[in-house]
Amino acid sequence: MWDVVPKGRFIIPVIFFGSIIIESIGVHTGWPFGTYAYEADFGVQLFGVPITIGAAWLSVMGASLAFSRRFPIRFNTVILVPLFAVWLDMAIDPVAANVKSYWLWQDGGFYYDIPTQNFFGWYGTALFFSLLIARFEQQSTITALERNNQYLFLMLHALFGLTAGVAGLYGVTLISLLAGITYWLTKGGVRFAKSKQKQMG
């Protein structure tokens, strides 16, 4: 994130603290994610939300942004990053809520008893952050860093997908496996995008 928004690095604390504020609204009002409560002790809290949630949102947004760059389409940040953030949450939430009990949902839903509202809330939050990123983002000057953040997207899916599989949540494991398949299918995506830019230039 630091590398791709050099003129808009204020976005980093905006995501960190903004996500905590939005999560705090969610905890106290049930909007936009649904009604839930944190159960586990995450340490220091801010506005009733563990500060680690801010770091988690930064990881999700950074990894989703890097992964979106494998797809050489216009407006990929605004179109794909929110979808990829929700994709990650589809792996994270069932494990965090149903296996680890980090937080508990008061309302159920068709996807592992998680409210559908939660995923719309995630999409809206990620879209807000993505619009800010898209305003200032530039091509990464450190290719290895961008590649490593794409690996982070895969590693997050691997972590939660494997944990879900051990707990018998095989649907989550399948969703996470799709991340690896997508990575393999888009193997030449970044190179294609760069070569296309050179031809246009």
N, C-alpha and C. Protein backbone atom coordinates (compact mmCIF):
# COMPACT_ATOMS: atom_id res chain seq x y z
N MET A 1 0.84 -1.19 0.00
CA MET A 1 0.00 0.00 0.00
C MET A 1 0.88 1.25 0.00
N TRP A 2 1.90 1.26 0.82
CA TRP A 2 2.83 2.38 0.92
C TRP A 2 3.48 2.64 -0.42
N ASP A 3 3.72 1.61 -1.18
CA ASP A 3 4.42 1.72 -2.46
C ASP A 3 3.51 2.22 -3.57
N VAL A 4 2.22 1.89 -3.53
CA VAL A 4 1.34 2.20 -4.66
C VAL A 4 0.49 3.46 -4.45
N VAL A 5 0.52 4.05 -3.26
CA VAL A 5 -0.19 5.32 -3.04
C VAL A 5 0.77 6.35 -2.41
N PRO A 6 1.91 6.63 -3.08
CA PRO A 6 2.91 7.53 -2.49
C PRO A 6 2.38 8.94 -2.24
N LYS A 7 1.41 9.41 -3.05
CA LYS A 7 0.84 10.74 -2.85
C LYS A 7 -0.43 10.71 -2.00
N GLY A 8 -0.79 9.53 -1.55
CA GLY A 8 -2.00 9.41 -0.75
C GLY A 8 -1.81 8.45 0.40
N ARG A 9 -0.66 8.52 1.05
CA ARG A 9 -0.36 7.57 2.12
C ARG A 9 -1.23 7.77 3.35
N PHE A 10 -1.95 8.89 3.39
CA PHE A 10 -2.92 9.09 4.47
C PHE A 10 -4.01 8.02 4.44
N ILE A 11 -4.13 7.33 3.28
CA ILE A 11 -5.14 6.28 3.14
C ILE A 11 -4.86 5.13 4.11
N ILE A 12 -3.60 4.90 4.41
CA ILE A 12 -3.24 3.79 5.31
C ILE A 12 -3.85 3.98 6.70
N PRO A 13 -3.63 5.13 7.36
CA PRO A 13 -4.32 5.32 8.66
C PRO A 13 -5.83 5.44 8.51
N VAL A 14 -6.30 5.92 7.35
CA VAL A 14 -7.75 5.99 7.13
C VAL A 14 -8.34 4.59 7.17
N ILE A 15 -7.68 3.63 6.51
CA ILE A 15 -8.16 2.24 6.52
C ILE A 15 -8.06 1.66 7.93
N PHE A 16 -6.94 1.92 8.59
CA PHE A 16 -6.72 1.35 9.92
C PHE A 16 -7.77 1.86 10.91
N PHE A 17 -7.86 3.17 11.04
CA PHE A 17 -8.79 3.74 12.03
C PHE A 17 -10.23 3.77 11.51
N GLY A 18 -10.38 3.95 10.20
CA GLY A 18 -11.72 3.95 9.63
C GLY A 18 -12.42 2.63 9.80
N SER A 19 -11.68 1.54 9.62
CA SER A 19 -12.28 0.22 9.78
C SER A 19 -12.67 -0.02 11.24
N ILE A 20 -11.87 0.49 12.17
CA ILE A 20 -12.20 0.34 13.58
C ILE A 20 -13.48 1.12 13.91
N ILE A 21 -13.60 2.32 13.35
CA ILE A 21 -14.80 3.13 13.60
C ILE A 21 -16.03 2.44 13.01
N ILE A 22 -15.90 1.93 11.78
CA ILE A 22 -17.02 1.25 11.14
C ILE A 22 -17.40 -0.01 11.92
N GLU A 23 -16.38 -0.76 12.38
CA GLU A 23 -16.65 -1.96 13.18
C GLU A 23 -17.30 -1.58 14.51
N SER A 24 -16.88 -0.44 15.08
CA SER A 24 -17.48 0.01 16.33
C SER A 24 -18.96 0.33 16.14
N ILE A 25 -19.28 0.98 15.02
CA ILE A 25 -20.68 1.24 14.70
C ILE A 25 -21.44 -0.08 14.57
N GLY A 26 -20.78 -1.05 13.94
CA GLY A 26 -21.40 -2.37 13.78
C GLY A 26 -21.68 -3.05 15.10
N VAL A 27 -20.71 -2.97 16.02
CA VAL A 27 -20.87 -3.62 17.32
C VAL A 27 -22.01 -2.98 18.12
N HIS A 28 -22.12 -1.67 18.04
CA HIS A 28 -23.09 -0.94 18.87
C HIS A 28 -24.47 -0.79 18.23
N THR A 29 -24.56 -0.89 16.90
CA THR A 29 -25.85 -0.65 16.24
C THR A 29 -26.33 -1.82 15.38
N GLY A 30 -25.43 -2.72 15.01
CA GLY A 30 -25.82 -3.81 14.11
C GLY A 30 -25.74 -3.44 12.64
N TRP A 31 -25.27 -2.23 12.35
CA TRP A 31 -25.10 -1.78 10.97
C TRP A 31 -23.64 -1.41 10.74
N PRO A 32 -23.01 -1.78 9.64
CA PRO A 32 -23.61 -2.38 8.43
C PRO A 32 -23.48 -3.89 8.33
N PHE A 33 -22.85 -4.53 9.34
CA PHE A 33 -22.52 -5.95 9.19
C PHE A 33 -23.57 -6.89 9.77
N GLY A 34 -24.39 -6.40 10.66
CA GLY A 34 -25.29 -7.26 11.41
C GLY A 34 -24.93 -7.19 12.88
N THR A 35 -25.70 -7.87 13.71
CA THR A 35 -25.50 -7.80 15.16
C THR A 35 -24.53 -8.89 15.61
N TYR A 36 -23.43 -8.46 16.23
CA TYR A 36 -22.42 -9.41 16.68
C TYR A 36 -21.69 -8.83 17.89
N ALA A 37 -20.92 -9.67 18.55
CA ALA A 37 -20.14 -9.22 19.71
C ALA A 37 -18.83 -9.99 19.75
N TYR A 38 -17.76 -9.29 20.10
CA TYR A 38 -16.46 -9.94 20.24
C TYR A 38 -16.43 -10.73 21.54
N GLU A 39 -15.95 -11.96 21.45
CA GLU A 39 -15.91 -12.84 22.62
C GLU A 39 -14.51 -13.01 23.16
N ALA A 40 -13.54 -13.21 22.28
CA ALA A 40 -12.18 -13.47 22.71
C ALA A 40 -11.48 -12.18 23.11
N ASP A 41 -10.43 -12.30 23.93
CA ASP A 41 -9.67 -11.15 24.37
C ASP A 41 -8.58 -10.86 23.34
N PHE A 42 -8.79 -9.81 22.55
CA PHE A 42 -7.82 -9.43 21.53
C PHE A 42 -6.82 -8.40 22.04
N GLY A 43 -6.92 -8.04 23.31
CA GLY A 43 -6.01 -7.04 23.84
C GLY A 43 -6.64 -5.66 23.84
N VAL A 44 -5.82 -4.65 23.56
CA VAL A 44 -6.25 -3.25 23.62
C VAL A 44 -7.39 -3.00 22.64
N GLN A 45 -8.41 -2.29 23.13
CA GLN A 45 -9.56 -1.96 22.28
C GLN A 45 -9.68 -0.46 22.11
N LEU A 46 -10.29 -0.07 21.00
CA LEU A 46 -10.59 1.31 20.69
C LEU A 46 -12.04 1.39 20.24
N PHE A 47 -12.84 2.16 20.95
CA PHE A 47 -14.27 2.26 20.66
C PHE A 47 -14.97 0.90 20.74
N GLY A 48 -14.47 0.02 21.62
CA GLY A 48 -15.09 -1.28 21.78
C GLY A 48 -14.67 -2.31 20.74
N VAL A 49 -13.64 -1.98 19.95
CA VAL A 49 -13.15 -2.87 18.89
C VAL A 49 -11.66 -3.11 19.09
N PRO A 50 -11.19 -4.36 19.02
CA PRO A 50 -9.75 -4.61 19.13
C PRO A 50 -8.99 -3.86 18.04
N ILE A 51 -7.87 -3.23 18.40
CA ILE A 51 -7.10 -2.47 17.41
C ILE A 51 -6.51 -3.39 16.35
N THR A 52 -6.43 -4.68 16.66
CA THR A 52 -5.93 -5.64 15.65
C THR A 52 -6.86 -5.73 14.45
N ILE A 53 -8.11 -5.33 14.61
CA ILE A 53 -9.05 -5.34 13.49
C ILE A 53 -8.59 -4.35 12.42
N GLY A 54 -8.03 -3.21 12.84
CA GLY A 54 -7.50 -2.25 11.88
C GLY A 54 -6.37 -2.84 11.06
N ALA A 55 -5.48 -3.58 11.73
CA ALA A 55 -4.39 -4.24 11.01
C ALA A 55 -4.91 -5.32 10.08
N ALA A 56 -5.96 -6.02 10.51
CA ALA A 56 -6.55 -7.07 9.67
C ALA A 56 -7.14 -6.47 8.40
N TRP A 57 -7.83 -5.34 8.53
CA TRP A 57 -8.40 -4.69 7.36
C TRP A 57 -7.31 -4.20 6.41
N LEU A 58 -6.20 -3.71 6.95
CA LEU A 58 -5.09 -3.30 6.10
C LEU A 58 -4.54 -4.49 5.32
N SER A 59 -4.43 -5.63 5.98
CA SER A 59 -3.95 -6.84 5.31
C SER A 59 -4.91 -7.26 4.21
N VAL A 60 -6.20 -7.25 4.51
CA VAL A 60 -7.21 -7.66 3.52
C VAL A 60 -7.19 -6.72 2.32
N MET A 61 -7.14 -5.41 2.56
CA MET A 61 -7.17 -4.45 1.47
C MET A 61 -5.88 -4.50 0.65
N GLY A 62 -4.74 -4.61 1.33
CA GLY A 62 -3.47 -4.68 0.61
C GLY A 62 -3.35 -5.93 -0.23
N ALA A 63 -3.74 -7.07 0.34
CA ALA A 63 -3.68 -8.33 -0.39
C ALA A 63 -4.67 -8.35 -1.55
N SER A 64 -5.87 -7.83 -1.32
CA SER A 64 -6.88 -7.80 -2.38
C SER A 64 -6.46 -6.86 -3.51
N LEU A 65 -5.85 -5.74 -3.15
CA LEU A 65 -5.37 -4.80 -4.17
C LEU A 65 -4.29 -5.45 -5.03
N ALA A 66 -3.34 -6.11 -4.39
CA ALA A 66 -2.28 -6.76 -5.15
C ALA A 66 -2.83 -7.87 -6.05
N PHE A 67 -3.77 -8.64 -5.52
CA PHE A 67 -4.33 -9.74 -6.31
C PHE A 67 -5.15 -9.21 -7.49
N SER A 68 -5.80 -8.07 -7.31
CA SER A 68 -6.61 -7.50 -8.40
C SER A 68 -5.75 -7.12 -9.60
N ARG A 69 -4.48 -6.88 -9.37
CA ARG A 69 -3.59 -6.45 -10.44
C ARG A 69 -3.16 -7.60 -11.35
N ARG A 70 -3.59 -8.77 -11.02
CA ARG A 70 -3.38 -9.90 -11.92
C ARG A 70 -4.39 -9.89 -13.08
N PHE A 71 -5.37 -9.02 -12.97
CA PHE A 71 -6.44 -8.96 -13.97
C PHE A 71 -6.34 -7.64 -14.74
N PRO A 72 -5.91 -7.69 -15.99
CA PRO A 72 -5.68 -6.47 -16.77
C PRO A 72 -6.97 -5.88 -17.31
N ILE A 73 -7.83 -5.44 -16.40
CA ILE A 73 -9.07 -4.82 -16.82
C ILE A 73 -9.11 -3.39 -16.28
N ARG A 74 -9.89 -2.57 -16.93
CA ARG A 74 -10.00 -1.18 -16.51
C ARG A 74 -10.78 -1.09 -15.19
N PHE A 75 -10.35 -0.18 -14.35
CA PHE A 75 -10.99 0.04 -13.05
C PHE A 75 -10.97 -1.23 -12.18
N ASN A 76 -9.90 -2.01 -12.30
CA ASN A 76 -9.86 -3.26 -11.54
C ASN A 76 -9.84 -3.03 -10.03
N THR A 77 -9.30 -1.88 -9.59
CA THR A 77 -9.28 -1.61 -8.15
C THR A 77 -10.69 -1.45 -7.60
N VAL A 78 -11.50 -0.64 -8.27
CA VAL A 78 -12.85 -0.38 -7.80
C VAL A 78 -13.76 -1.59 -8.00
N ILE A 79 -13.55 -2.32 -9.10
CA ILE A 79 -14.43 -3.44 -9.41
C ILE A 79 -14.06 -4.70 -8.62
N LEU A 80 -12.76 -5.02 -8.58
CA LEU A 80 -12.33 -6.32 -8.06
C LEU A 80 -11.96 -6.31 -6.58
N VAL A 81 -11.33 -5.25 -6.10
CA VAL A 81 -10.85 -5.25 -4.71
C VAL A 81 -11.99 -5.49 -3.71
N PRO A 82 -13.14 -4.82 -3.82
CA PRO A 82 -14.22 -5.12 -2.87
C PRO A 82 -14.70 -6.57 -2.95
N LEU A 83 -14.74 -7.11 -4.17
CA LEU A 83 -15.16 -8.51 -4.33
C LEU A 83 -14.15 -9.46 -3.72
N PHE A 84 -12.86 -9.16 -3.89
CA PHE A 84 -11.83 -10.02 -3.31
C PHE A 84 -11.81 -9.92 -1.79
N ALA A 85 -12.13 -8.73 -1.25
CA ALA A 85 -12.22 -8.58 0.20
C ALA A 85 -13.34 -9.46 0.75
N VAL A 86 -14.48 -9.47 0.07
CA VAL A 86 -15.60 -10.33 0.49
C VAL A 86 -15.21 -11.79 0.33
N TRP A 87 -14.48 -12.11 -0.73
CA TRP A 87 -13.99 -13.48 -0.94
C TRP A 87 -13.16 -13.93 0.26
N LEU A 88 -12.27 -13.04 0.73
CA LEU A 88 -11.47 -13.37 1.91
C LEU A 88 -12.35 -13.54 3.14
N ASP A 89 -13.35 -12.68 3.29
CA ASP A 89 -14.21 -12.78 4.47
C ASP A 89 -15.01 -14.07 4.46
N MET A 90 -15.32 -14.59 3.28
CA MET A 90 -16.04 -15.86 3.20
C MET A 90 -15.20 -17.01 3.74
N ALA A 91 -13.88 -16.81 3.79
CA ALA A 91 -12.99 -17.80 4.41
C ALA A 91 -12.74 -17.47 5.88
N ILE A 92 -12.61 -16.17 6.17
CA ILE A 92 -12.26 -15.74 7.53
C ILE A 92 -13.42 -15.92 8.51
N ASP A 93 -14.59 -15.45 8.13
CA ASP A 93 -15.69 -15.36 9.09
C ASP A 93 -16.17 -16.71 9.62
N PRO A 94 -16.36 -17.73 8.77
CA PRO A 94 -16.81 -19.00 9.33
C PRO A 94 -15.84 -19.59 10.34
N VAL A 95 -14.54 -19.40 10.10
CA VAL A 95 -13.54 -19.92 11.02
C VAL A 95 -13.51 -19.09 12.30
N ALA A 96 -13.47 -17.76 12.14
CA ALA A 96 -13.39 -16.87 13.30
C ALA A 96 -14.61 -17.00 14.21
N ALA A 97 -15.79 -17.14 13.60
CA ALA A 97 -17.03 -17.18 14.39
C ALA A 97 -17.38 -18.59 14.85
N ASN A 98 -17.32 -19.55 13.93
CA ASN A 98 -17.83 -20.89 14.23
C ASN A 98 -16.79 -21.84 14.82
N VAL A 99 -15.52 -21.61 14.48
CA VAL A 99 -14.47 -22.51 14.96
C VAL A 99 -13.74 -21.90 16.17
N LYS A 100 -13.32 -20.66 16.04
CA LYS A 100 -12.51 -20.02 17.08
C LYS A 100 -13.33 -19.18 18.06
N SER A 101 -14.57 -18.86 17.71
CA SER A 101 -15.44 -18.04 18.57
C SER A 101 -14.80 -16.70 18.93
N TYR A 102 -14.11 -16.09 17.96
CA TYR A 102 -13.56 -14.75 18.19
C TYR A 102 -14.68 -13.73 18.32
N TRP A 103 -15.74 -13.94 17.56
CA TRP A 103 -16.95 -13.14 17.71
C TRP A 103 -18.15 -14.02 17.46
N LEU A 104 -19.30 -13.61 17.96
CA LEU A 104 -20.52 -14.40 17.83
C LEU A 104 -21.61 -13.57 17.15
N TRP A 105 -22.28 -14.18 16.20
CA TRP A 105 -23.39 -13.54 15.50
C TRP A 105 -24.70 -13.81 16.23
N GLN A 106 -25.50 -12.77 16.39
CA GLN A 106 -26.81 -12.96 17.03
C GLN A 106 -27.87 -13.38 16.02
N ASP A 107 -27.66 -13.05 14.75
CA ASP A 107 -28.57 -13.45 13.68
C ASP A 107 -27.87 -14.46 12.77
N GLY A 108 -28.64 -15.36 12.20
CA GLY A 108 -28.07 -16.38 11.34
C GLY A 108 -28.15 -16.01 9.87
N GLY A 109 -27.69 -16.94 9.04
CA GLY A 109 -27.70 -16.75 7.60
C GLY A 109 -27.50 -18.08 6.91
N PHE A 110 -27.66 -18.10 5.59
CA PHE A 110 -27.56 -19.37 4.86
C PHE A 110 -26.12 -19.85 4.73
N TYR A 111 -25.14 -18.93 4.83
CA TYR A 111 -23.74 -19.32 4.67
C TYR A 111 -23.10 -19.49 6.05
N TYR A 112 -23.06 -20.73 6.50
CA TYR A 112 -22.47 -21.08 7.80
C TYR A 112 -23.02 -20.20 8.92
N ASP A 113 -24.30 -19.91 8.84
CA ASP A 113 -25.02 -19.18 9.89
C ASP A 113 -24.49 -17.76 10.11
N ILE A 114 -23.94 -17.18 9.04
CA ILE A 114 -23.46 -15.80 9.07
C ILE A 114 -24.46 -14.93 8.32
N PRO A 115 -24.89 -13.82 8.88
CA PRO A 115 -25.88 -12.98 8.20
C PRO A 115 -25.40 -12.52 6.82
N THR A 116 -26.28 -12.59 5.85
CA THR A 116 -25.94 -12.11 4.50
C THR A 116 -25.58 -10.64 4.53
N GLN A 117 -26.20 -9.90 5.45
CA GLN A 117 -25.91 -8.48 5.61
C GLN A 117 -24.43 -8.24 5.84
N ASN A 118 -23.77 -9.16 6.52
CA ASN A 118 -22.35 -9.00 6.81
C ASN A 118 -21.53 -8.85 5.53
N PHE A 119 -21.84 -9.65 4.53
CA PHE A 119 -21.06 -9.62 3.30
C PHE A 119 -21.34 -8.36 2.48
N PHE A 120 -22.58 -7.88 2.54
CA PHE A 120 -22.88 -6.60 1.91
C PHE A 120 -22.15 -5.47 2.64
N GLY A 121 -22.08 -5.58 3.96
CA GLY A 121 -21.35 -4.59 4.75
C GLY A 121 -19.87 -4.59 4.42
N TRP A 122 -19.31 -5.78 4.26
CA TRP A 122 -17.91 -5.90 3.87
C TRP A 122 -17.68 -5.29 2.50
N TYR A 123 -18.59 -5.58 1.58
CA TYR A 123 -18.44 -5.04 0.23
C TYR A 123 -18.48 -3.51 0.26
N GLY A 124 -19.44 -2.96 0.95
CA GLY A 124 -19.57 -1.50 1.02
C GLY A 124 -18.36 -0.85 1.66
N THR A 125 -17.86 -1.43 2.75
CA THR A 125 -16.68 -0.88 3.43
C THR A 125 -15.46 -0.96 2.53
N ALA A 126 -15.25 -2.12 1.90
CA ALA A 126 -14.10 -2.29 1.01
C ALA A 126 -14.21 -1.39 -0.22
N LEU A 127 -15.44 -1.18 -0.71
CA LEU A 127 -15.63 -0.30 -1.86
C LEU A 127 -15.25 1.14 -1.50
N PHE A 128 -15.63 1.57 -0.32
CA PHE A 128 -15.27 2.92 0.14
C PHE A 128 -13.75 3.09 0.16
N PHE A 129 -13.05 2.12 0.75
CA PHE A 129 -11.59 2.19 0.80
C PHE A 129 -10.99 2.09 -0.61
N SER A 130 -11.59 1.28 -1.46
CA SER A 130 -11.07 1.09 -2.83
C SER A 130 -11.18 2.37 -3.65
N LEU A 131 -12.26 3.10 -3.44
CA LEU A 131 -12.43 4.37 -4.16
C LEU A 131 -11.34 5.36 -3.76
N LEU A 132 -10.96 5.37 -2.49
CA LEU A 132 -9.87 6.22 -2.04
C LEU A 132 -8.55 5.79 -2.66
N ILE A 133 -8.30 4.48 -2.66
CA ILE A 133 -7.05 3.96 -3.22
C ILE A 133 -6.96 4.29 -4.70
N ALA A 134 -8.05 4.07 -5.42
CA ALA A 134 -8.05 4.28 -6.87
C ALA A 134 -7.74 5.73 -7.23
N ARG A 135 -8.07 6.64 -6.34
CA ARG A 135 -7.83 8.07 -6.60
C ARG A 135 -6.34 8.39 -6.64
N PHE A 136 -5.52 7.62 -5.91
CA PHE A 136 -4.11 7.96 -5.77
C PHE A 136 -3.15 6.86 -6.22
N GLU A 137 -3.64 5.69 -6.54
CA GLU A 137 -2.72 4.57 -6.78
C GLU A 137 -1.87 4.77 -8.04
N GLN A 138 -0.67 4.18 -7.99
CA GLN A 138 0.26 4.17 -9.10
C GLN A 138 0.75 2.75 -9.31
N GLN A 139 1.43 2.53 -10.42
CA GLN A 139 2.02 1.22 -10.66
C GLN A 139 3.09 0.97 -9.60
N SER A 140 3.12 -0.23 -9.08
CA SER A 140 4.11 -0.57 -8.06
C SER A 140 5.52 -0.48 -8.61
N THR A 141 6.43 0.12 -7.83
CA THR A 141 7.83 0.23 -8.24
C THR A 141 8.66 -0.94 -7.72
N ILE A 142 8.04 -1.75 -6.89
CA ILE A 142 8.73 -2.93 -6.34
C ILE A 142 7.92 -4.16 -6.70
N THR A 143 8.30 -4.81 -7.80
CA THR A 143 7.54 -5.95 -8.30
C THR A 143 7.48 -7.09 -7.28
N ALA A 144 8.60 -7.33 -6.60
CA ALA A 144 8.63 -8.43 -5.63
C ALA A 144 7.66 -8.18 -4.48
N LEU A 145 7.51 -6.91 -4.08
CA LEU A 145 6.59 -6.60 -2.99
C LEU A 145 5.15 -6.86 -3.40
N GLU A 146 4.80 -6.48 -4.63
CA GLU A 146 3.45 -6.73 -5.11
C GLU A 146 3.19 -8.24 -5.23
N ARG A 147 4.19 -8.98 -5.69
CA ARG A 147 4.05 -10.43 -5.79
C ARG A 147 3.86 -11.04 -4.40
N ASN A 148 4.61 -10.54 -3.42
CA ASN A 148 4.48 -11.07 -2.06
C ASN A 148 3.10 -10.78 -1.47
N ASN A 149 2.53 -9.64 -1.83
CA ASN A 149 1.19 -9.33 -1.34
C ASN A 149 0.13 -10.20 -2.03
N GLN A 150 0.42 -10.62 -3.26
CA GLN A 150 -0.45 -11.61 -3.91
C GLN A 150 -0.34 -12.94 -3.18
N TYR A 151 0.87 -13.27 -2.76
CA TYR A 151 1.05 -14.48 -1.96
C TYR A 151 0.31 -14.37 -0.63
N LEU A 152 0.26 -13.15 -0.07
CA LEU A 152 -0.47 -12.95 1.19
C LEU A 152 -1.94 -13.29 1.01
N PHE A 153 -2.51 -12.88 -0.13
CA PHE A 153 -3.90 -13.22 -0.43
C PHE A 153 -4.08 -14.75 -0.42
N LEU A 154 -3.14 -15.45 -1.04
CA LEU A 154 -3.22 -16.91 -1.08
C LEU A 154 -2.98 -17.52 0.30
N MET A 155 -2.05 -16.95 1.05
CA MET A 155 -1.73 -17.50 2.37
C MET A 155 -2.88 -17.33 3.35
N LEU A 156 -3.58 -16.20 3.26
CA LEU A 156 -4.76 -16.01 4.11
C LEU A 156 -5.82 -17.05 3.79
N HIS A 157 -6.02 -17.29 2.51
CA HIS A 157 -6.98 -18.32 2.12
C HIS A 157 -6.50 -19.71 2.56
N ALA A 158 -5.21 -19.96 2.44
CA ALA A 158 -4.67 -21.26 2.85
C ALA A 158 -4.85 -21.47 4.35
N LEU A 159 -4.56 -20.43 5.13
CA LEU A 159 -4.68 -20.52 6.59
C LEU A 159 -6.10 -20.84 7.01
N PHE A 160 -7.05 -20.04 6.54
CA PHE A 160 -8.43 -20.22 6.97
C PHE A 160 -9.09 -21.40 6.26
N GLY A 161 -8.69 -21.66 5.02
CA GLY A 161 -9.24 -22.81 4.31
C GLY A 161 -8.83 -24.12 4.94
N LEU A 162 -7.57 -24.22 5.35
CA LEU A 162 -7.08 -25.43 6.01
C LEU A 162 -7.73 -25.61 7.38
N THR A 163 -7.81 -24.52 8.14
CA THR A 163 -8.44 -24.58 9.47
C THR A 163 -9.91 -25.00 9.34
N ALA A 164 -10.57 -24.45 8.31
CA ALA A 164 -11.97 -24.81 8.08
C ALA A 164 -12.10 -26.28 7.72
N GLY A 165 -11.20 -26.78 6.89
CA GLY A 165 -11.25 -28.18 6.49
C GLY A 165 -11.09 -29.12 7.67
N VAL A 166 -10.17 -28.79 8.57
CA VAL A 166 -9.95 -29.61 9.77
C VAL A 166 -11.21 -29.63 10.62
N ALA A 167 -11.93 -28.50 10.63
CA ALA A 167 -13.16 -28.39 11.44
C ALA A 167 -14.39 -28.93 10.71
N GLY A 168 -14.20 -29.38 9.48
CA GLY A 168 -15.32 -29.96 8.73
C GLY A 168 -16.11 -28.95 7.91
N LEU A 169 -15.61 -27.73 7.79
CA LEU A 169 -16.28 -26.71 6.98
C LEU A 169 -15.72 -26.78 5.55
N TYR A 170 -16.09 -27.82 4.84
CA TYR A 170 -15.44 -28.10 3.55
C TYR A 170 -15.80 -27.09 2.47
N GLY A 171 -16.95 -26.46 2.60
CA GLY A 171 -17.32 -25.43 1.63
C GLY A 171 -16.34 -24.26 1.67
N VAL A 172 -15.91 -23.90 2.88
CA VAL A 172 -14.93 -22.82 3.02
C VAL A 172 -13.61 -23.24 2.40
N THR A 173 -13.21 -24.49 2.61
CA THR A 173 -11.97 -24.99 2.02
C THR A 173 -12.03 -24.91 0.50
N LEU A 174 -13.16 -25.25 -0.07
CA LEU A 174 -13.32 -25.18 -1.52
C LEU A 174 -13.19 -23.74 -2.01
N ILE A 175 -13.81 -22.81 -1.31
CA ILE A 175 -13.72 -21.39 -1.68
C ILE A 175 -12.27 -20.91 -1.63
N SER A 176 -11.53 -21.37 -0.65
CA SER A 176 -10.13 -20.98 -0.54
C SER A 176 -9.28 -21.63 -1.63
N LEU A 177 -9.59 -22.86 -1.98
CA LEU A 177 -8.86 -23.53 -3.06
C LEU A 177 -9.04 -22.79 -4.38
N LEU A 178 -10.18 -22.18 -4.56
CA LEU A 178 -10.44 -21.42 -5.79
C LEU A 178 -9.47 -20.25 -5.93
N ALA A 179 -8.96 -19.74 -4.82
CA ALA A 179 -7.98 -18.65 -4.88
C ALA A 179 -6.70 -19.14 -5.55
N GLY A 180 -6.25 -20.33 -5.16
CA GLY A 180 -5.05 -20.90 -5.78
C GLY A 180 -5.25 -21.19 -7.26
N ILE A 181 -6.44 -21.70 -7.59
CA ILE A 181 -6.74 -21.99 -8.99
C ILE A 181 -6.77 -20.70 -9.80
N THR A 182 -7.37 -19.66 -9.24
CA THR A 182 -7.44 -18.37 -9.92
C THR A 182 -6.05 -17.80 -10.13
N TYR A 183 -5.19 -17.94 -9.13
CA TYR A 183 -3.81 -17.45 -9.25
C TYR A 183 -3.10 -18.16 -10.41
N TRP A 184 -3.29 -19.45 -10.49
CA TRP A 184 -2.64 -20.23 -11.54
C TRP A 184 -3.18 -19.86 -12.92
N LEU A 185 -4.50 -19.65 -13.00
CA LEU A 185 -5.11 -19.32 -14.29
C LEU A 185 -4.72 -17.93 -14.78
N THR A 186 -4.37 -17.04 -13.85
CA THR A 186 -3.99 -15.67 -14.23
C THR A 186 -2.49 -15.49 -14.17
N LYS A 187 -1.77 -16.53 -14.44
CA LYS A 187 -0.31 -16.52 -14.31
C LYS A 187 0.33 -15.42 -15.13
N GLY A 188 -0.19 -15.18 -16.32
CA GLY A 188 0.41 -14.16 -17.17
C GLY A 188 -0.31 -12.84 -17.14
N GLY A 189 -1.23 -12.68 -16.19
CA GLY A 189 -2.05 -11.47 -16.17
C GLY A 189 -1.26 -10.19 -16.03
N VAL A 190 -0.31 -10.15 -15.08
CA VAL A 190 0.45 -8.94 -14.83
C VAL A 190 1.36 -8.64 -16.01
N ARG A 191 2.03 -9.66 -16.55
CA ARG A 191 2.92 -9.45 -17.68
C ARG A 191 2.14 -8.95 -18.89
N PHE A 192 0.93 -9.51 -19.09
CA PHE A 192 0.10 -9.10 -20.21
C PHE A 192 -0.27 -7.63 -20.08
N ALA A 193 -0.63 -7.23 -18.87
CA ALA A 193 -1.03 -5.84 -18.66
C ALA A 193 0.12 -4.89 -18.94
N LYS A 194 1.33 -5.26 -18.51
CA LYS A 194 2.49 -4.39 -18.70
C LYS A 194 2.85 -4.30 -20.18
N SER A 195 2.80 -5.42 -20.90
CA SER A 195 3.13 -5.41 -22.32
C SER A 195 2.10 -4.60 -23.10
N LYS A 196 0.85 -4.65 -22.65
CA LYS A 196 -0.21 -3.88 -23.32
C LYS A 196 0.02 -2.39 -23.10
N GLN A 197 0.46 -2.02 -21.91
CA GLN A 197 0.74 -0.61 -21.63
C GLN A 197 1.88 -0.11 -22.48
N LYS A 198 2.91 -0.94 -22.68
CA LYS A 198 4.05 -0.55 -23.50
C LYS A 198 3.61 -0.32 -24.95
N GLN A 199 2.74 -1.22 -25.45
CA GLN A 199 2.28 -1.07 -26.82
C GLN A 199 1.46 0.20 -26.98
N MET A 200 0.65 0.54 -25.98
CA MET A 200 -0.16 1.75 -26.04
C MET A 200 0.71 2.99 -25.95
N GLY A 201 1.82 2.87 -25.16
CA GLY A 201 2.72 4.01 -25.02
C GLY A 201 3.52 4.21 -26.29
